[in-house]
PDB file of N, CA and C in Angstrom:
ATOM      1  N   MET A   1       0.827  -1.190  -0.029  1.00  0.00           N
ATOM      2  CA  MET A   1      -0.128   0.029   0.029  1.00  0.00           C
ATOM      3  C   MET A   1       0.847   1.145  -0.043  1.00  0.00           C
ATOM      4  N   GLY A   2       2.080   1.107   0.315  1.00  0.00           N
ATOM      5  CA  GLY A   2       2.978   2.205   0.546  1.00  0.00           C
ATOM      6  C   GLY A   2       2.891   3.402  -0.384  1.00  0.00           C
ATOM      7  N   ASN A   3       3.326   3.341  -1.738  1.00  0.00           N
ATOM      8  CA  ASN A   3       3.406   4.479  -2.576  1.00  0.00           C
ATOM      9  C   ASN A   3       2.190   4.502  -3.584  1.00  0.00           C
ATOM     10  N   LEU A   4       1.321   3.740  -3.498  1.00  0.00           N
ATOM     11  CA  LEU A   4       0.197   3.755  -4.508  1.00  0.00           C
ATOM     12  C   LEU A   4      -0.668   5.038  -4.173  1.00  0.00           C
ATOM     13  N   THR A   5      -1.080   5.721  -5.292  1.00  0.00           N
ATOM     14  CA  THR A   5      -1.849   6.816  -5.208  1.00  0.00           C
ATOM     15  C   THR A   5      -3.339   6.328  -4.850  1.00  0.00           C
ATOM     16  N   GLU A   6      -4.092   7.433  -4.586  1.00  0.00           N
ATOM     17  CA  GLU A   6      -5.446   7.065  -4.212  1.00  0.00           C
ATOM     18  C   GLU A   6      -6.214   6.514  -5.395  1.00  0.00           C
ATOM     19  N   SER A   7      -5.920   7.058  -6.490  1.00  0.00           N
ATOM     20  CA  SER A   7      -6.548   6.654  -7.798  1.00  0.00           C
ATOM     21  C   SER A   7      -6.227   5.195  -8.099  1.00  0.00           C
ATOM     22  N   LYS A   8      -4.990   4.862  -7.820  1.00  0.00           N
ATOM     23  CA  LYS A   8      -4.499   3.470  -8.114  1.00  0.00           C
ATOM     24  C   LYS A   8      -5.099   2.412  -7.227  1.00  0.00           C
ATOM     25  N   LYS A   9      -5.309   2.912  -5.972  1.00  0.00           N
ATOM     26  CA  LYS A   9      -5.888   2.016  -4.915  1.00  0.00           C
ATOM     27  C   LYS A   9      -7.414   1.774  -5.235  1.00  0.00           C
ATOM     28  N   ARG A  10      -8.045   2.874  -5.771  1.00  0.00           N
ATOM     29  CA  ARG A  10      -9.464   2.745  -6.141  1.00  0.00           C
ATOM     30  C   ARG A  10      -9.614   1.796  -7.229  1.00  0.00           C
ATOM     31  N   ASP A  11      -8.768   2.067  -8.212  1.00  0.00           N
ATOM     32  CA  ASP A  11      -8.911   1.190  -9.475  1.00  0.00           C
ATOM     33  C   ASP A  11      -8.632  -0.229  -9.131  1.00  0.00           C
ATOM     34  N   PHE A  12      -7.545  -0.434  -8.325  1.00  0.00           N
ATOM     35  CA  PHE A  12      -7.354  -1.917  -7.933  1.00  0.00           C
ATOM     36  C   PHE A  12      -8.409  -2.612  -7.346  1.00  0.00           C
ATOM     37  N   VAL A  13      -9.090  -1.867  -6.403  1.00  0.00           N
ATOM     38  CA  VAL A  13     -10.304  -2.518  -5.680  1.00  0.00           C
ATOM     39  C   VAL A  13     -11.416  -2.616  -6.613  1.00  0.00           C
ATOM     40  N   THR A  14     -11.720  -1.839  -7.497  1.00  0.00           N
ATOM     41  CA  THR A  14     -12.749  -2.002  -8.499  1.00  0.00           C
ATOM     42  C   THR A  14     -12.573  -3.002  -9.523  1.00  0.00           C
ATOM     43  N   GLN A  15     -11.303  -3.085 -10.062  1.00  0.00           N
ATOM     44  CA  GLN A  15     -10.899  -4.109 -11.011  1.00  0.00           C
ATOM     45  C   GLN A  15     -10.965  -5.416 -10.286  1.00  0.00           C
ATOM     46  N   LEU A  16     -10.441  -5.698  -9.024  1.00  0.00           N
ATOM     47  CA  LEU A  16     -10.424  -6.956  -8.413  1.00  0.00           C
ATOM     48  C   LEU A  16     -11.992  -7.344  -8.167  1.00  0.00           C
ATOM     49  N   THR A  17     -12.837  -6.414  -7.699  1.00  0.00           N
ATOM     50  CA  THR A  17     -14.210  -6.785  -7.549  1.00  0.00           C
ATOM     51  C   THR A  17     -14.726  -7.342  -8.862  1.00  0.00           C
ATOM     52  N   GLY A  18     -14.416  -6.656 -10.038  1.00  0.00           N
ATOM     53  CA  GLY A  18     -15.000  -7.044 -11.284  1.00  0.00           C
ATOM     54  C   GLY A  18     -14.490  -8.386 -11.617  1.00  0.00           C
ATOM     55  N   LEU A  19     -13.185  -8.676 -11.397  1.00  0.00           N
ATOM     56  CA  LEU A  19     -12.509 -10.086 -11.618  1.00  0.00           C
ATOM     57  C   LEU A  19     -13.345 -11.183 -10.794  1.00  0.00           C
ATOM     58  N   LEU A  20     -13.431 -10.788  -9.532  1.00  0.00           N
ATOM     59  CA  LEU A  20     -14.134 -11.747  -8.604  1.00  0.00           C
ATOM     60  C   LEU A  20     -15.506 -12.075  -9.238  1.00  0.00           C
ATOM     61  N   GLU A  21     -16.230 -11.100  -9.588  1.00  0.00           N
ATOM     62  CA  GLU A  21     -17.602 -11.183 -10.099  1.00  0.00           C
ATOM     63  C   GLU A  21     -17.554 -12.136 -11.402  1.00  0.00           C
ATOM     64  N   GLN A  22     -16.650 -11.898 -12.292  1.00  0.00           N
ATOM     65  CA  GLN A  22     -16.607 -12.619 -13.516  1.00  0.00           C
ATOM     66  C   GLN A  22     -16.158 -14.087 -13.341  1.00  0.00           C
ATOM     67  N   ASN A  23     -15.520 -14.233 -12.202  1.00  0.00           N
ATOM     68  CA  ASN A  23     -14.868 -15.542 -12.069  1.00  0.00           C
ATOM     69  C   ASN A  23     -15.363 -16.303 -10.832  1.00  0.00           C
ATOM     70  N   THR A  24     -16.620 -15.932 -10.445  1.00  0.00           N
ATOM     71  CA  THR A  24     -17.325 -16.479  -9.214  1.00  0.00           C
ATOM     72  C   THR A  24     -17.337 -17.983  -9.342  1.00  0.00           C
ATOM     73  N   GLN A  25     -17.919 -18.528 -10.459  1.00  0.00           N
ATOM     74  CA  GLN A  25     -18.118 -19.836 -10.667  1.00  0.00           C
ATOM     75  C   GLN A  25     -16.730 -20.544 -10.533  1.00  0.00           C
ATOM     76  N   LEU A  26     -15.793 -20.151 -11.276  1.00  0.00           N
ATOM     77  CA  LEU A  26     -14.440 -20.712 -11.211  1.00  0.00           C
ATOM     78  C   LEU A  26     -13.792 -20.963  -9.704  1.00  0.00           C
ATOM     79  N   LEU A  27     -13.946 -19.803  -9.057  1.00  0.00           N
ATOM     80  CA  LEU A  27     -13.366 -19.708  -7.751  1.00  0.00           C
ATOM     81  C   LEU A  27     -14.155 -20.619  -6.710  1.00  0.00           C
ATOM     82  N   THR A  28     -15.533 -20.496  -6.982  1.00  0.00           N
ATOM     83  CA  THR A  28     -16.411 -21.297  -6.116  1.00  0.00           C
ATOM     84  C   THR A  28     -16.091 -22.904  -6.422  1.00  0.00           C
ATOM     85  N   ASP A  29     -15.871 -23.291  -7.623  1.00  0.00           N
ATOM     86  CA  ASP A  29     -15.626 -24.635  -7.992  1.00  0.00           C
ATOM     87  C   ASP A  29     -14.215 -25.032  -7.296  1.00  0.00           C
ATOM     88  N   LYS A  30     -13.330 -24.146  -7.136  1.00  0.00           N
ATOM     89  CA  LYS A  30     -12.138 -24.336  -6.479  1.00  0.00           C
ATOM     90  C   LYS A  30     -12.121 -24.379  -4.973  1.00  0.00           C
ATOM     91  N   GLY A  31     -13.349 -24.043  -4.267  1.00  0.00           N
ATOM     92  CA  GLY A  31     -13.635 -24.050  -2.908  1.00  0.00           C
ATOM     93  C   GLY A  31     -13.676 -22.653  -2.245  1.00  0.00           C
ATOM     94  N   TYR A  32     -13.577 -21.657  -3.011  1.00  0.00           N
ATOM     95  CA  TYR A  32     -13.639 -20.363  -2.433  1.00  0.00           C
ATOM     96  C   TYR A  32     -14.883 -19.512  -3.178  1.00  0.00           C
ATOM     97  N   ASP A  33     -15.776 -19.162  -2.192  1.00  0.00           N
ATOM     98  CA  ASP A  33     -16.952 -18.459  -2.772  1.00  0.00           C
ATOM     99  C   ASP A  33     -16.728 -16.936  -2.435  1.00  0.00           C
ATOM    100  N   PRO A  34     -16.523 -16.127  -3.523  1.00  0.00           N
ATOM    101  CA  PRO A  34     -16.096 -14.693  -3.351  1.00  0.00           C
ATOM    102  C   PRO A  34     -17.439 -13.785  -3.049  1.00  0.00           C
ATOM    103  N   THR A  35     -18.592 -14.318  -2.973  1.00  0.00           N
ATOM    104  CA  THR A  35     -19.782 -13.533  -2.921  1.00  0.00           C
ATOM    105  C   THR A  35     -19.609 -12.494  -1.819  1.00  0.00           C
ATOM    106  N   ALA A  36     -19.284 -13.001  -0.673  1.00  0.00           N
ATOM    107  CA  ALA A  36     -19.200 -12.034   0.595  1.00  0.00           C
ATOM    108  C   ALA A  36     -18.194 -10.939   0.390  1.00  0.00           C
ATOM    109  N   LYS A  37     -16.925 -11.395  -0.098  1.00  0.00           N
ATOM    110  CA  LYS A  37     -15.798 -10.543  -0.370  1.00  0.00           C
ATOM    111  C   LYS A  37     -16.191  -9.440  -1.458  1.00  0.00           C
ATOM    112  N   ILE A  38     -16.902  -9.799  -2.390  1.00  0.00           N
ATOM    113  CA  ILE A  38     -17.448  -8.855  -3.450  1.00  0.00           C
ATOM    114  C   ILE A  38     -18.351  -7.776  -2.731  1.00  0.00           C
ATOM    115  N   ALA A  39     -19.121  -8.227  -2.011  1.00  0.00           N
ATOM    116  CA  ALA A  39     -20.189  -7.324  -1.280  1.00  0.00           C
ATOM    117  C   ALA A  39     -19.407  -6.513  -0.348  1.00  0.00           C
ATOM    118  N   GLN A  40     -18.342  -6.923   0.452  1.00  0.00           N
ATOM    119  CA  GLN A  40     -17.577  -6.205   1.320  1.00  0.00           C
ATOM    120  C   GLN A  40     -16.721  -4.982   0.592  1.00  0.00           C
ATOM    121  N   LEU A  41     -16.103  -5.498  -0.539  1.00  0.00           N
ATOM    122  CA  LEU A  41     -15.315  -4.566  -1.324  1.00  0.00           C
ATOM    123  C   LEU A  41     -16.145  -3.451  -1.893  1.00  0.00           C
ATOM    124  N   ARG A  42     -17.411  -3.865  -2.351  1.00  0.00           N
ATOM    125  CA  ARG A  42     -18.312  -2.826  -2.887  1.00  0.00           C
ATOM    126  C   ARG A  42     -18.768  -1.805  -1.771  1.00  0.00           C
ATOM    127  N   ALA A  43     -18.977  -2.256  -0.672  1.00  0.00           N
ATOM    128  CA  ALA A  43     -19.418  -1.332   0.438  1.00  0.00           C
ATOM    129  C   ALA A  43     -18.194  -0.539   0.762  1.00  0.00           C
ATOM    130  N   GLU A  44     -17.112  -1.103   0.809  1.00  0.00           N
ATOM    131  CA  GLU A  44     -15.945  -0.280   1.315  1.00  0.00           C
ATOM    132  C   GLU A  44     -15.611   0.787   0.304  1.00  0.00           C
ATOM    133  N   ILE A  45     -15.676   0.559  -0.986  1.00  0.00           N
ATOM    134  CA  ILE A  45     -15.414   1.536  -2.043  1.00  0.00           C
ATOM    135  C   ILE A  45     -16.492   2.670  -2.026  1.00  0.00           C
ATOM    136  N   ILE A  46     -17.629   2.308  -1.809  1.00  0.00           N
ATOM    137  CA  ILE A  46     -18.924   3.286  -1.483  1.00  0.00           C
ATOM    138  C   ILE A  46     -18.551   3.991  -0.427  1.00  0.00           C
ATOM    139  N   ALA A  47     -18.125   3.554   0.751  1.00  0.00           N
ATOM    140  CA  ALA A  47     -17.678   4.256   1.875  1.00  0.00           C
ATOM    141  C   ALA A  47     -16.508   5.294   1.619  1.00  0.00           C
ATOM    142  N   ALA A  48     -15.544   4.734   0.778  1.00  0.00           N
ATOM    143  CA  ALA A  48     -14.402   5.592   0.533  1.00  0.00           C
ATOM    144  C   ALA A  48     -14.851   6.716  -0.380  1.00  0.00           C
ATOM    145  N   ASP A  49     -15.797   6.562  -1.345  1.00  0.00           N
ATOM    146  CA  ASP A  49     -16.242   7.506  -2.129  1.00  0.00           C
ATOM    147  C   ASP A  49     -17.104   8.690  -1.403  1.00  0.00           C
ATOM    148  N   THR A  50     -17.870   8.155  -0.377  1.00  0.00           N
ATOM    149  CA  THR A  50     -18.566   9.049   0.434  1.00  0.00           C
ATOM    150  C   THR A  50     -17.609   9.923   1.283  1.00  0.00           C
ATOM    151  N   ALA A  51     -16.484   9.227   1.787  1.00  0.00           N
ATOM    152  CA  ALA A  51     -15.588  10.031   2.554  1.00  0.00           C
ATOM    153  C   ALA A  51     -14.847  11.173   1.691  1.00  0.00           C
ATOM    154  N   GLU A  52     -14.664  10.706   0.476  1.00  0.00           N
ATOM    155  CA  GLU A  52     -13.995  11.642  -0.445  1.00  0.00           C
ATOM    156  C   GLU A  52     -14.840  12.888  -0.647  1.00  0.00           C
ATOM    157  N   VAL A  53     -16.039  12.609  -0.805  1.00  0.00           N
ATOM    158  CA  VAL A  53     -17.081  13.760  -1.140  1.00  0.00           C
ATOM    159  C   VAL A  53     -17.102  14.622   0.148  1.00  0.00           C
ATOM    160  N   LYS A  54     -16.970  14.060   1.231  1.00  0.00           N
ATOM    161  CA  LYS A  54     -17.055  14.838   2.526  1.00  0.00           C
ATOM    162  C   LYS A  54     -15.679  15.641   2.653  1.00  0.00           C
ATOM    163  N   GLN A  55     -14.680  15.080   2.333  1.00  0.00           N
ATOM    164  CA  GLN A  55     -13.402  15.652   2.301  1.00  0.00           C
ATOM    165  C   GLN A  55     -13.343  16.825   1.401  1.00  0.00           C
ATOM    166  N   MET A  56     -14.021  16.726   0.087  1.00  0.00           N
ATOM    167  CA  MET A  56     -14.008  17.789  -0.896  1.00  0.00           C
ATOM    168  C   MET A  56     -14.818  18.925  -0.332  1.00  0.00           C
ATOM    169  N   GLU A  57     -16.049  18.633   0.462  1.00  0.00           N
ATOM    170  CA  GLU A  57     -16.813  19.588   0.921  1.00  0.00           C
ATOM    171  C   GLU A  57     -16.157  20.309   1.970  1.00  0.00           C
ATOM    172  N   ALA A  58     -15.305  19.597   2.862  1.00  0.00           N
ATOM    173  CA  ALA A  58     -14.585  20.388   3.964  1.00  0.00           C
ATOM    174  C   ALA A  58     -13.522  21.169   3.392  1.00  0.00           C
ATOM    175  N   LYS A  59     -12.855  20.790   2.303  1.00  0.00           N
ATOM    176  CA  LYS A  59     -11.824  21.636   1.713  1.00  0.00           C
ATOM    177  C   LYS A  59     -12.535  22.962   1.114  1.00  0.00           C
ATOM    178  N   ALA A  60     -13.707  22.870   0.661  1.00  0.00           N
ATOM    179  CA  ALA A  60     -14.409  23.991   0.036  1.00  0.00           C
ATOM    180  C   ALA A  60     -14.832  24.815   1.270  1.00  0.00           C
ATOM    181  N   ALA A  61     -15.374  24.261   2.269  1.00  0.00           N
ATOM    182  CA  ALA A  61     -15.733  25.075   3.423  1.00  0.00           C
ATOM    183  C   ALA A  61     -14.656  25.761   4.023  1.00  0.00           C
ATOM    184  N   ALA A  62     -13.438  25.068   4.060  1.00  0.00           N
ATOM    185  CA  ALA A  62     -12.158  25.772   4.804  1.00  0.00           C
ATOM    186  C   ALA A  62     -11.776  26.909   3.831  1.00  0.00           C
ATOM    187  N   LYS A  63     -11.865  26.813   2.494  1.00  0.00           N
ATOM    188  CA  LYS A  63     -11.449  27.986   1.571  1.00  0.00           C
ATOM    189  C   LYS A  63     -12.443  29.115   1.859  1.00  0.00           C
ATOM    190  N   ASN A  64     -13.693  28.738   1.887  1.00  0.00           N
ATOM    191  CA  ASN A  64     -14.754  29.761   2.178  1.00  0.00           C
ATOM    192  C   ASN A  64     -14.480  30.467   3.436  1.00  0.00           C
ATOM    193  N   ALA A  65     -14.133  29.730   4.535  1.00  0.00           N
ATOM    194  CA  ALA A  65     -13.958  30.291   5.900  1.00  0.00           C
ATOM    195  C   ALA A  65     -12.620  31.170   5.758  1.00  0.00           C
ATOM    196  N   THR A  66     -11.696  30.816   4.890  1.00  0.00           N
ATOM    197  CA  THR A  66     -10.483  31.613   4.807  1.00  0.00           C
ATOM    198  C   THR A  66     -10.756  32.891   4.190  1.00  0.00           C
ATOM    199  N   LYS A  67     -11.699  32.823   2.956  1.00  0.00           N
ATOM    200  CA  LYS A  67     -12.044  33.862   2.246  1.00  0.00           C
ATOM    201  C   LYS A  67     -12.637  34.972   3.192  1.00  0.00           C
ATOM    202  N   LEU A  68     -13.733  34.466   4.035  1.00  0.00           N
ATOM    203  CA  LEU A  68     -14.533  35.283   4.889  1.00  0.00           C
ATOM    204  C   LEU A  68     -13.548  35.916   5.935  1.00  0.00           C
ATOM    205  N   THR A  69     -12.704  35.190   6.494  1.00  0.00           N
ATOM    206  CA  THR A  69     -11.738  35.697   7.412  1.00  0.00           C
ATOM    207  C   THR A  69     -10.966  36.891   6.919  1.00  0.00           C
ATOM    208  N   LEU A  70     -10.378  36.803   5.620  1.00  0.00           N
ATOM    209  CA  LEU A  70      -9.598  37.811   4.987  1.00  0.00           C
ATOM    210  C   LEU A  70     -10.555  39.035   4.605  1.00  0.00           C
ATOM    211  N   GLU A  71     -11.745  38.814   4.194  1.00  0.00           N
ATOM    212  CA  GLU A  71     -12.489  39.893   3.991  1.00  0.00           C
ATOM    213  C   GLU A  71     -12.958  40.554   5.243  1.00  0.00           C
ATOM    214  N   THR A  72     -13.283  39.913   6.239  1.00  0.00           N
ATOM    215  CA  THR A  72     -13.507  40.591   7.451  1.00  0.00           C
ATOM    216  C   THR A  72     -12.367  41.302   8.064  1.00  0.00           C
ATOM    217  N   LEU A  73     -11.175  40.819   8.054  1.00  0.00           N
ATOM    218  CA  LEU A  73      -9.971  41.276   8.456  1.00  0.00           C
ATOM    219  C   LEU A  73      -9.686  42.602   7.681  1.00  0.00           C
ATOM    220  N   ASN A  74      -9.866  42.571   6.367  1.00  0.00           N
ATOM    221  CA  ASN A  74      -9.592  43.531   5.572  1.00  0.00           C
ATOM    222  C   ASN A  74     -10.574  44.755   5.896  1.00  0.00           C
ATOM    223  N   THR A  75     -11.775  44.403   6.059  1.00  0.00           N
ATOM    224  CA  THR A  75     -12.712  45.496   6.630  1.00  0.00           C
ATOM    225  C   THR A  75     -12.352  46.067   7.905  1.00  0.00           C
ATOM    226  N   ALA A  76     -11.978  45.264   8.857  1.00  0.00           N
ATOM    227  CA  ALA A  76     -11.436  45.821  10.215  1.00  0.00           C
ATOM    228  C   ALA A  76     -10.393  46.680   9.963  1.00  0.00           C
ATOM    229  N   TYR A  77      -9.296  46.321   9.152  1.00  0.00           N
ATOM    230  CA  TYR A  77      -8.156  47.125   8.911  1.00  0.00           C
ATOM    231  C   TYR A  77      -8.459  48.436   8.226  1.00  0.00           C
ATOM    232  N   THR A  78      -9.276  48.498   7.293  1.00  0.00           N
ATOM    233  CA  THR A  78      -9.865  49.657   6.621  1.00  0.00           C
ATOM    234  C   THR A  78     -10.441  50.581   7.652  1.00  0.00           C
ATOM    235  N   ASP A  79     -11.391  50.045   8.439  1.00  0.00           N
ATOM    236  CA  ASP A  79     -12.074  50.793   9.467  1.00  0.00           C
ATOM    237  C   ASP A  79     -10.954  51.429  10.491  1.00  0.00           C
ATOM    238  N   ALA A  80     -10.005  50.655  10.783  1.00  0.00           N
ATOM    239  CA  ALA A  80      -9.071  51.210  11.841  1.00  0.00           C
ATOM    240  C   ALA A  80      -8.195  52.247  11.103  1.00  0.00           C
ATOM    241  N   SER A  81      -7.909  52.092   9.881  1.00  0.00           N
ATOM    242  CA  SER A  81      -7.104  53.092   9.084  1.00  0.00           C
ATOM    243  C   SER A  81      -7.857  54.259   8.960  1.00  0.00           C
ATOM    244  N   ALA A  82      -9.128  54.296   8.751  1.00  0.00           N
ATOM    245  CA  ALA A  82      -9.880  55.506   8.653  1.00  0.00           C
ATOM    246  C   ALA A  82      -9.965  56.213  10.082  1.00  0.00           C
ATOM    247  N   THR A  83     -10.110  55.489  11.044  1.00  0.00           N
ATOM    248  CA  THR A  83      -9.854  56.004  12.547  1.00  0.00           C
ATOM    249  C   THR A  83      -8.589  56.818  12.630  1.00  0.00           C
ATOM    250  N   VAL A  84      -7.517  56.130  12.128  1.00  0.00           N
ATOM    251  CA  VAL A  84      -6.337  56.934  12.138  1.00  0.00           C
ATOM    252  C   VAL A  84      -6.244  58.285  11.445  1.00  0.00           C
ATOM    253  N   ASP A  85      -6.896  58.132  10.264  1.00  0.00           N
ATOM    254  CA  ASP A  85      -7.004  59.492   9.557  1.00  0.00           C
ATOM    255  C   ASP A  85      -7.867  60.432  10.278  1.00  0.00           C
ATOM    256  N   LEU A  86      -8.957  60.041  10.951  1.00  0.00           N
ATOM    257  CA  LEU A  86      -9.764  60.904  11.632  1.00  0.00           C
ATOM    258  C   LEU A  86      -9.069  61.459  12.912  1.00  0.00           C
ATOM    259  N   ILE A  87      -8.321  60.641  13.644  1.00  0.00           N
ATOM    260  CA  ILE A  87      -7.402  61.163  14.728  1.00  0.00           C
ATOM    261  C   ILE A  87      -6.464  62.274  14.162  1.00  0.00           C
ATOM    262  N   SER A  88      -5.846  61.932  13.074  1.00  0.00           N
ATOM    263  CA  SER A  88      -4.836  62.823  12.422  1.00  0.00           C
ATOM    264  C   SER A  88      -5.552  64.096  12.109  1.00  0.00           C
ATOM    265  N   GLY A  89      -6.632  64.141  11.744  1.00  0.00           N
ATOM    266  CA  GLY A  89      -7.424  65.464  11.365  1.00  0.00           C
ATOM    267  C   GLY A  89      -7.723  66.088  12.604  1.00  0.00           C
ATOM    268  N   LEU A  90      -8.118  65.368  13.710  1.00  0.00           N
ATOM    269  CA  LEU A  90      -8.464  66.083  15.034  1.00  0.00           C
ATOM    270  C   LEU A  90      -7.195  66.619  15.768  1.00  0.00           C
ATOM    271  N   LEU A  91      -6.238  65.841  15.764  1.00  0.00           N
ATOM    272  CA  LEU A  91      -5.103  66.219  16.587  1.00  0.00           C
ATOM    273  C   LEU A  91      -3.750  66.655  15.885  1.00  0.00           C
ATOM    274  N   GLY A  92      -3.809  66.453  14.630  1.00  0.00           N
ATOM    275  CA  GLY A  92      -2.652  67.021  13.721  1.00  0.00           C
ATOM    276  C   GLY A  92      -1.652  65.995  13.497  1.00  0.00           C
ATOM    277  N   LYS A  93      -0.993  66.078  12.513  1.00  0.00           N
ATOM    278  CA  LYS A  93       0.136  64.914  12.182  1.00  0.00           C
ATOM    279  C   LYS A  93       1.200  64.859  13.083  1.00  0.00           C
ATOM    280  N   ASN A  94       1.458  65.893  13.951  1.00  0.00           N
ATOM    281  CA  ASN A  94       2.771  65.707  14.714  1.00  0.00           C
ATOM    282  C   ASN A  94       2.426  65.372  16.211  1.00  0.00           C
ATOM    283  N   ASP A  95       1.119  65.044  16.395  1.00  0.00           N
ATOM    284  CA  ASP A  95       0.722  64.871  17.729  1.00  0.00           C
ATOM    285  C   ASP A  95       1.281  63.548  18.145  1.00  0.00           C
ATOM    286  N   ASN A  96       1.705  63.459  19.543  1.00  0.00           N
ATOM    287  CA  ASN A  96       2.292  62.231  20.106  1.00  0.00           C
ATOM    288  C   ASN A  96       1.427  61.053  20.054  1.00  0.00           C
ATOM    289  N   LEU A  97       0.097  61.063  20.332  1.00  0.00           N
ATOM    290  CA  LEU A  97      -0.841  59.942  20.206  1.00  0.00           C
ATOM    291  C   LEU A  97      -0.798  59.463  18.670  1.00  0.00           C
ATOM    292  N   LEU A  98      -0.929  60.280  17.799  1.00  0.00           N
ATOM    293  CA  LEU A  98      -0.933  59.843  16.394  1.00  0.00           C
ATOM    294  C   LEU A  98       0.432  59.158  16.048  1.00  0.00           C
ATOM    295  N   LEU A  99       1.429  59.760  16.497  1.00  0.00           N
ATOM    296  CA  LEU A  99       2.821  59.145  16.306  1.00  0.00           C
ATOM    297  C   LEU A  99       2.998  57.685  16.812  1.00  0.00           C
ATOM    298  N   GLU A 100       2.395  57.466  17.898  1.00  0.00           N
ATOM    299  CA  GLU A 100       2.319  56.147  18.548  1.00  0.00           C
ATOM    300  C   GLU A 100       1.378  55.185  17.886  1.00  0.00           C
ATOM    301  N   ILE A 101       0.284  55.734  17.434  1.00  0.00           N
ATOM    302  CA  ILE A 101      -0.535  54.939  16.535  1.00  0.00           C
ATOM    303  C   ILE A 101       0.065  54.440  15.273  1.00  0.00           C
ATOM    304  N   LYS A 102       0.802  55.418  14.659  1.00  0.00           N
ATOM    305  CA  LYS A 102       1.358  55.052  13.406  1.00  0.00           C
ATOM    306  C   LYS A 102       2.568  54.029  13.580  1.00  0.00           C
ATOM    307  N   LYS A 103       3.138  53.975  14.733  1.00  0.00           N
ATOM    308  CA  LYS A 103       4.263  53.074  14.967  1.00  0.00           C
ATOM    309  C   LYS A 103       3.558  51.659  14.967  1.00  0.00           C
ATOM    310  N   LEU A 104       2.309  51.622  15.414  1.00  0.00           N
ATOM    311  CA  LEU A 104       1.615  50.199  15.423  1.00  0.00           C
ATOM    312  C   LEU A 104       1.519  49.623  14.175  1.00  0.00           C
ATOM    313  N   ARG A 105       1.096  50.461  13.171  1.00  0.00           N
ATOM    314  CA  ARG A 105       0.924  50.200  11.789  1.00  0.00           C
ATOM    315  C   ARG A 105       2.193  49.860  11.140  1.00  0.00           C
ATOM    316  N   ASN A 106       3.198  50.533  11.328  1.00  0.00           N
ATOM    317  CA  ASN A 106       4.597  50.331  10.797  1.00  0.00           C
ATOM    318  C   ASN A 106       5.285  49.068  11.356  1.00  0.00           C
ATOM    319  N   SER A 107       5.014  48.811  12.586  1.00  0.00           N
ATOM    320  CA  SER A 107       5.829  47.621  13.205  1.00  0.00           C
ATOM    321  C   SER A 107       4.997  46.348  12.916  1.00  0.00           C
ATOM    322  N   GLY A 108       3.775  46.543  12.693  1.00  0.00           N
ATOM    323  CA  GLY A 108       2.974  45.235  12.464  1.00  0.00           C
ATOM    324  C   GLY A 108       2.741  44.391  13.706  1.00  0.00           C
ATOM    325  N   LYS A 109       3.069  45.109  14.844  1.00  0.00           N
ATOM    326  CA  LYS A 109       2.847  44.310  16.237  1.00  0.00           C
ATOM    327  C   LYS A 109       2.053  45.300  17.069  1.00  0.00           C
ATOM    328  N   SER A 110       1.407  44.624  18.014  1.00  0.00           N
ATOM    329  CA  SER A 110       0.556  45.465  18.889  1.00  0.00           C
ATOM    330  C   SER A 110       1.549  45.991  20.059  1.00  0.00           C
ATOM    331  N   SER A 111       1.285  47.189  20.562  1.00  0.00           N
ATOM    332  CA  SER A 111       2.101  47.718  21.540  1.00  0.00           C
ATOM    333  C   SER A 111       1.558  47.213  22.973  1.00  0.00           C
ATOM    334  N   LYS A 112       2.533  46.753  23.770  1.00  0.00           N
ATOM    335  CA  LYS A 112       2.163  46.383  25.062  1.00  0.00           C
ATOM    336  C   LYS A 112       2.389  47.374  26.093  1.00  0.00           C
ATOM    337  N   LYS A 113       2.646  48.756  25.633  1.00  0.00           N
ATOM    338  CA  LYS A 113       2.774  49.816  26.507  1.00  0.00           C
ATOM    339  C   LYS A 113       1.365  50.248  26.910  1.00  0.00           C
ATOM    340  N   GLU A 114       1.309  51.057  27.962  1.00  0.00           N
ATOM    341  CA  GLU A 114       0.108  51.603  28.391  1.00  0.00           C
ATOM    342  C   GLU A 114      -0.293  52.615  27.381  1.00  0.00           C
ATOM    343  N   PRO A 115      -1.672  52.844  27.136  1.00  0.00           N
ATOM    344  CA  PRO A 115      -2.093  53.702  26.103  1.00  0.00           C
ATOM    345  C   PRO A 115      -1.778  55.083  26.406  1.00  0.00           C
ATOM    346  N   VAL A 116      -1.367  56.054  25.455  1.00  0.00           N
ATOM    347  CA  VAL A 116      -1.088  57.360  25.651  1.00  0.00           C
ATOM    348  C   VAL A 116      -2.333  58.054  25.769  1.00  0.00           C
ATOM    349  N   THR A 117      -2.423  58.846  26.722  1.00  0.00           N
ATOM    350  CA  THR A 117      -3.618  59.747  27.039  1.00  0.00           C
ATOM    351  C   THR A 117      -3.137  61.135  27.270  1.00  0.00           C
ATOM    352  N   GLU A 118      -3.988  61.972  26.794  1.00  0.00           N
ATOM    353  CA  GLU A 118      -3.802  63.449  27.228  1.00  0.00           C
ATOM    354  C   GLU A 118      -4.167  63.745  28.474  1.00  0.00           C
ATOM    355  N   GLN A 119      -3.482  64.646  29.237  1.00  0.00           N
ATOM    356  CA  GLN A 119      -3.594  65.055  30.537  1.00  0.00           C
ATOM    357  C   GLN A 119      -4.054  66.341  30.770  1.00  0.00           C
TER     358      GLN A 119
END
C-alpha cells in the first residue's frame, strides 16, 4: 500500500471486484466463494467515495472560511485606518498619540505599553 496513489488503490479495488464477479463460478468450484468479499469490497469503495465527497466539501468550506476571514480582517483594517485618519485630522500630524498609533501600523505588532492619553 505504501506508494500507491489514491486513484490506483481505487482502480485496484474496482478491478479486483470485477474479476471476482466474472470468475465467481471458477473460484467457487475451487473451494472459494467470493460473494461475501465482493459485497464487502463494494461497500468499502462506496464508503471511500462518500468520505472523499465529505473531504472535498470540507476543503471547500475551509476555503470559504479563509475567504470570509480575510474579507472581515480587511474591513477591520480599513476601518481602523480610517480612524487613524480621523485622529490625524483632529489632533494634527505631529501629535504624540498619532505618532504612537502610526508606530503600530509600521511595526505590524501590537504595543504592550500603556495607552497614551492626554492630561
